[in-house]
């Protein structure tokens, strides 16, 4: 077992890496859809992935939904690969707290990822 300081440093490194992944995902979606990063984050917070994909949303923002969806798919794959979470879990985290900062989203992704690993390790 790692000493507390080493474990804390590992956790901080993991959070920093996940923060970069989430920020890059949001920037990628924004770039491909013609939105700002903040507008992209607001849409992800406001609507579930399923609503965005089916284009059953009314964000008031003008953007290319097709390009947004393609970029969203790639971004979710990147986040899923880093966390081991599925699309539904990632969508719930993004929509779980309105007006969340990236740091809050990262912490919730990390916590859900840990919960999944913990429960699987007991089988």
C-alpha atoms as a PDB file:
ATOM      1  CA  UNK A   1       0.000   0.000   0.000  1.00  0.00           C
ATOM      2  CA  UNK A   2       1.209   3.466  -0.824  1.00  0.00           C
ATOM      3  CA  UNK A   3       1.950   5.926   1.928  1.00  0.00           C
ATOM      4  CA  UNK A   4      -0.674   8.637   2.270  1.00  0.00           C
ATOM      5  CA  UNK A   5       1.456  11.331   0.601  1.00  0.00           C
ATOM      6  CA  UNK A   6       2.181   9.140  -2.419  1.00  0.00           C
ATOM      7  CA  UNK A   7      -1.464   8.127  -2.706  1.00  0.00           C
ATOM      8  CA  UNK A   8      -2.507  11.777  -2.498  1.00  0.00           C
ATOM      9  CA  UNK A   9      -0.030  12.711  -5.227  1.00  0.00           C
ATOM     10  CA  UNK A  10      -1.328   9.888  -7.427  1.00  0.00           C
ATOM     11  CA  UNK A  11      -4.895  11.102  -6.927  1.00  0.00           C
ATOM     12  CA  UNK A  12      -3.924  14.670  -7.789  1.00  0.00           C
ATOM     13  CA  UNK A  13      -2.136  13.461 -10.928  1.00  0.00           C
ATOM     14  CA  UNK A  14      -5.175  11.411 -11.965  1.00  0.00           C
ATOM     15  CA  UNK A  15      -7.497  14.377 -11.434  1.00  0.00           C
ATOM     16  CA  UNK A  16      -5.185  16.643 -13.430  1.00  0.00           C
ATOM     17  CA  UNK A  17      -5.106  14.154 -16.326  1.00  0.00           C
ATOM     18  CA  UNK A  18      -8.889  13.739 -16.256  1.00  0.00           C
ATOM     19  CA  UNK A  19      -9.328  17.521 -16.174  1.00  0.00           C
ATOM     20  CA  UNK A  20      -7.261  17.801 -19.356  1.00  0.00           C
ATOM     21  CA  UNK A  21      -9.335  15.051 -21.008  1.00  0.00           C
ATOM     22  CA  UNK A  22     -12.639  16.748 -20.118  1.00  0.00           C
ATOM     23  CA  UNK A  23     -11.415  20.202 -21.141  1.00  0.00           C
ATOM     24  CA  UNK A  24     -10.122  18.847 -24.455  1.00  0.00           C
ATOM     25  CA  UNK A  25     -13.427  17.043 -25.031  1.00  0.00           C
ATOM     26  CA  UNK A  26     -15.422  20.237 -24.466  1.00  0.00           C
ATOM     27  CA  UNK A  27     -13.057  22.266 -26.660  1.00  0.00           C
ATOM     28  CA  UNK A  28     -13.229  19.628 -29.404  1.00  0.00           C
ATOM     29  CA  UNK A  29     -17.044  19.683 -29.423  1.00  0.00           C
ATOM     30  CA  UNK A  30     -17.038  23.487 -29.414  1.00  0.00           C
ATOM     31  CA  UNK A  31     -14.580  23.687 -32.286  1.00  0.00           C
ATOM     32  CA  UNK A  32     -16.465  21.184 -34.447  1.00  0.00           C
ATOM     33  CA  UNK A  33     -19.903  22.681 -33.777  1.00  0.00           C
ATOM     34  CA  UNK A  34     -19.020  26.360 -33.972  1.00  0.00           C
ATOM     35  CA  UNK A  35     -19.839  27.112 -30.324  1.00  0.00           C
ATOM     36  CA  UNK A  36     -17.755  28.563 -27.558  1.00  0.00           C
ATOM     37  CA  UNK A  37     -16.482  26.246 -24.848  1.00  0.00           C
ATOM     38  CA  UNK A  38     -18.880  27.823 -22.349  1.00  0.00           C
ATOM     39  CA  UNK A  39     -21.873  27.378 -24.663  1.00  0.00           C
ATOM     40  CA  UNK A  40     -20.889  23.750 -25.214  1.00  0.00           C
ATOM     41  CA  UNK A  41     -20.626  23.137 -21.481  1.00  0.00           C
ATOM     42  CA  UNK A  42     -24.027  24.754 -20.926  1.00  0.00           C
ATOM     43  CA  UNK A  43     -25.651  22.477 -23.509  1.00  0.00           C
ATOM     44  CA  UNK A  44     -24.003  19.414 -21.962  1.00  0.00           C
ATOM     45  CA  UNK A  45     -25.248  20.468 -18.527  1.00  0.00           C
ATOM     46  CA  UNK A  46     -28.763  21.237 -19.697  1.00  0.00           C
ATOM     47  CA  UNK A  47     -29.543  18.291 -21.949  1.00  0.00           C
ATOM     48  CA  UNK A  48     -28.869  14.582 -21.746  1.00  0.00           C
ATOM     49  CA  UNK A  49     -26.709  12.990 -24.390  1.00  0.00           C
ATOM     50  CA  UNK A  50     -29.802  11.221 -25.727  1.00  0.00           C
ATOM     51  CA  UNK A  51     -31.681  14.529 -26.096  1.00  0.00           C
ATOM     52  CA  UNK A  52     -28.752  16.098 -27.912  1.00  0.00           C
ATOM     53  CA  UNK A  53     -28.338  13.123 -30.221  1.00  0.00           C
ATOM     54  CA  UNK A  54     -32.027  13.059 -31.094  1.00  0.00           C
ATOM     55  CA  UNK A  55     -31.939  16.838 -31.492  1.00  0.00           C
ATOM     56  CA  UNK A  56     -34.859  17.134 -29.041  1.00  0.00           C
ATOM     57  CA  UNK A  57     -33.520  20.161 -27.268  1.00  0.00           C
ATOM     58  CA  UNK A  58     -34.072  23.856 -27.414  1.00  0.00           C
ATOM     59  CA  UNK A  59     -30.878  25.431 -26.214  1.00  0.00           C
ATOM     60  CA  UNK A  60     -31.448  28.748 -27.941  1.00  0.00           C
ATOM     61  CA  UNK A  61     -27.919  28.419 -29.309  1.00  0.00           C
ATOM     62  CA  UNK A  62     -27.375  28.148 -33.030  1.00  0.00           C
ATOM     63  CA  UNK A  63     -24.995  25.339 -33.888  1.00  0.00           C
ATOM     64  CA  UNK A  64     -24.491  22.479 -36.294  1.00  0.00           C
ATOM     65  CA  UNK A  65     -26.204  19.599 -34.469  1.00  0.00           C
ATOM     66  CA  UNK A  66     -24.760  16.942 -36.755  1.00  0.00           C
ATOM     67  CA  UNK A  67     -21.199  18.091 -36.164  1.00  0.00           C
ATOM     68  CA  UNK A  68     -21.950  18.545 -32.458  1.00  0.00           C
ATOM     69  CA  UNK A  69     -23.173  14.946 -32.243  1.00  0.00           C
ATOM     70  CA  UNK A  70     -20.180  13.513 -34.089  1.00  0.00           C
ATOM     71  CA  UNK A  71     -17.808  15.443 -31.853  1.00  0.00           C
ATOM     72  CA  UNK A  72     -19.835  14.459 -28.791  1.00  0.00           C
ATOM     73  CA  UNK A  73     -19.488  10.780 -29.673  1.00  0.00           C
ATOM     74  CA  UNK A  74     -15.724  11.097 -29.935  1.00  0.00           C
ATOM     75  CA  UNK A  75     -15.523  13.129 -26.711  1.00  0.00           C
ATOM     76  CA  UNK A  76     -17.598  10.598 -24.795  1.00  0.00           C
ATOM     77  CA  UNK A  77     -15.411   7.750 -26.047  1.00  0.00           C
ATOM     78  CA  UNK A  78     -12.374   9.617 -24.766  1.00  0.00           C
ATOM     79  CA  UNK A  79     -13.954  10.225 -21.347  1.00  0.00           C
ATOM     80  CA  UNK A  80     -15.289   6.655 -21.211  1.00  0.00           C
ATOM     81  CA  UNK A  81     -11.857   5.255 -21.998  1.00  0.00           C
ATOM     82  CA  UNK A  82     -10.280   7.330 -19.216  1.00  0.00           C
ATOM     83  CA  UNK A  83     -12.921   6.540 -16.606  1.00  0.00           C
ATOM     84  CA  UNK A  84     -14.462   3.193 -17.528  1.00  0.00           C
ATOM     85  CA  UNK A  85     -17.911   4.812 -17.475  1.00  0.00           C
ATOM     86  CA  UNK A  86     -20.635   4.280 -20.064  1.00  0.00           C
ATOM     87  CA  UNK A  87     -22.493   6.934 -22.055  1.00  0.00           C
ATOM     88  CA  UNK A  88     -25.433   7.038 -19.679  1.00  0.00           C
ATOM     89  CA  UNK A  89     -23.218   7.535 -16.641  1.00  0.00           C
ATOM     90  CA  UNK A  90     -21.252  10.297 -18.354  1.00  0.00           C
ATOM     91  CA  UNK A  91     -24.475  11.999 -19.487  1.00  0.00           C
ATOM     92  CA  UNK A  92     -25.889  11.862 -15.950  1.00  0.00           C
ATOM     93  CA  UNK A  93     -22.754  13.467 -14.567  1.00  0.00           C
ATOM     94  CA  UNK A  94     -22.823  16.306 -17.081  1.00  0.00           C
ATOM     95  CA  UNK A  95     -26.521  16.979 -16.482  1.00  0.00           C
ATOM     96  CA  UNK A  96     -26.442  16.273 -12.745  1.00  0.00           C
ATOM     97  CA  UNK A  97     -25.471  19.758 -11.669  1.00  0.00           C
ATOM     98  CA  UNK A  98     -26.437  22.859 -13.597  1.00  0.00           C
ATOM     99  CA  UNK A  99     -23.741  25.486 -14.129  1.00  0.00           C
ATOM    100  CA  UNK A 100     -21.008  23.161 -12.906  1.00  0.00           C
ATOM    101  CA  UNK A 101     -17.399  24.016 -13.468  1.00  0.00           C
ATOM    102  CA  UNK A 102     -15.125  21.521 -15.164  1.00  0.00           C
ATOM    103  CA  UNK A 103     -13.509  20.734 -11.803  1.00  0.00           C
ATOM    104  CA  UNK A 104     -16.857  19.660 -10.377  1.00  0.00           C
ATOM    105  CA  UNK A 105     -17.579  17.474 -13.405  1.00  0.00           C
ATOM    106  CA  UNK A 106     -14.136  15.881 -13.132  1.00  0.00           C
ATOM    107  CA  UNK A 107     -14.634  15.089  -9.442  1.00  0.00           C
ATOM    108  CA  UNK A 108     -18.003  13.471 -10.151  1.00  0.00           C
ATOM    109  CA  UNK A 109     -16.575  11.450 -13.052  1.00  0.00           C
ATOM    110  CA  UNK A 110     -13.720  10.282 -10.840  1.00  0.00           C
ATOM    111  CA  UNK A 111     -16.049   9.372  -7.960  1.00  0.00           C
ATOM    112  CA  UNK A 112     -18.433   7.411 -10.196  1.00  0.00           C
ATOM    113  CA  UNK A 113     -15.496   5.614 -11.778  1.00  0.00           C
ATOM    114  CA  UNK A 114     -14.238   4.647  -8.319  1.00  0.00           C
ATOM    115  CA  UNK A 115     -17.680   3.438  -7.249  1.00  0.00           C
ATOM    116  CA  UNK A 116     -17.898   1.198 -10.296  1.00  0.00           C
ATOM    117  CA  UNK A 117     -14.433  -0.263  -9.690  1.00  0.00           C
ATOM    118  CA  UNK A 118     -15.183  -0.821  -6.001  1.00  0.00           C
ATOM    119  CA  UNK A 119     -18.431  -2.659  -6.612  1.00  0.00           C
ATOM    120  CA  UNK A 120     -16.894  -4.826  -9.330  1.00  0.00           C
ATOM    121  CA  UNK A 121     -13.942  -5.746  -7.127  1.00  0.00           C
ATOM    122  CA  UNK A 122     -16.268  -7.406  -4.623  1.00  0.00           C
ATOM    123  CA  UNK A 123     -17.596 -10.013  -7.063  1.00  0.00           C
END
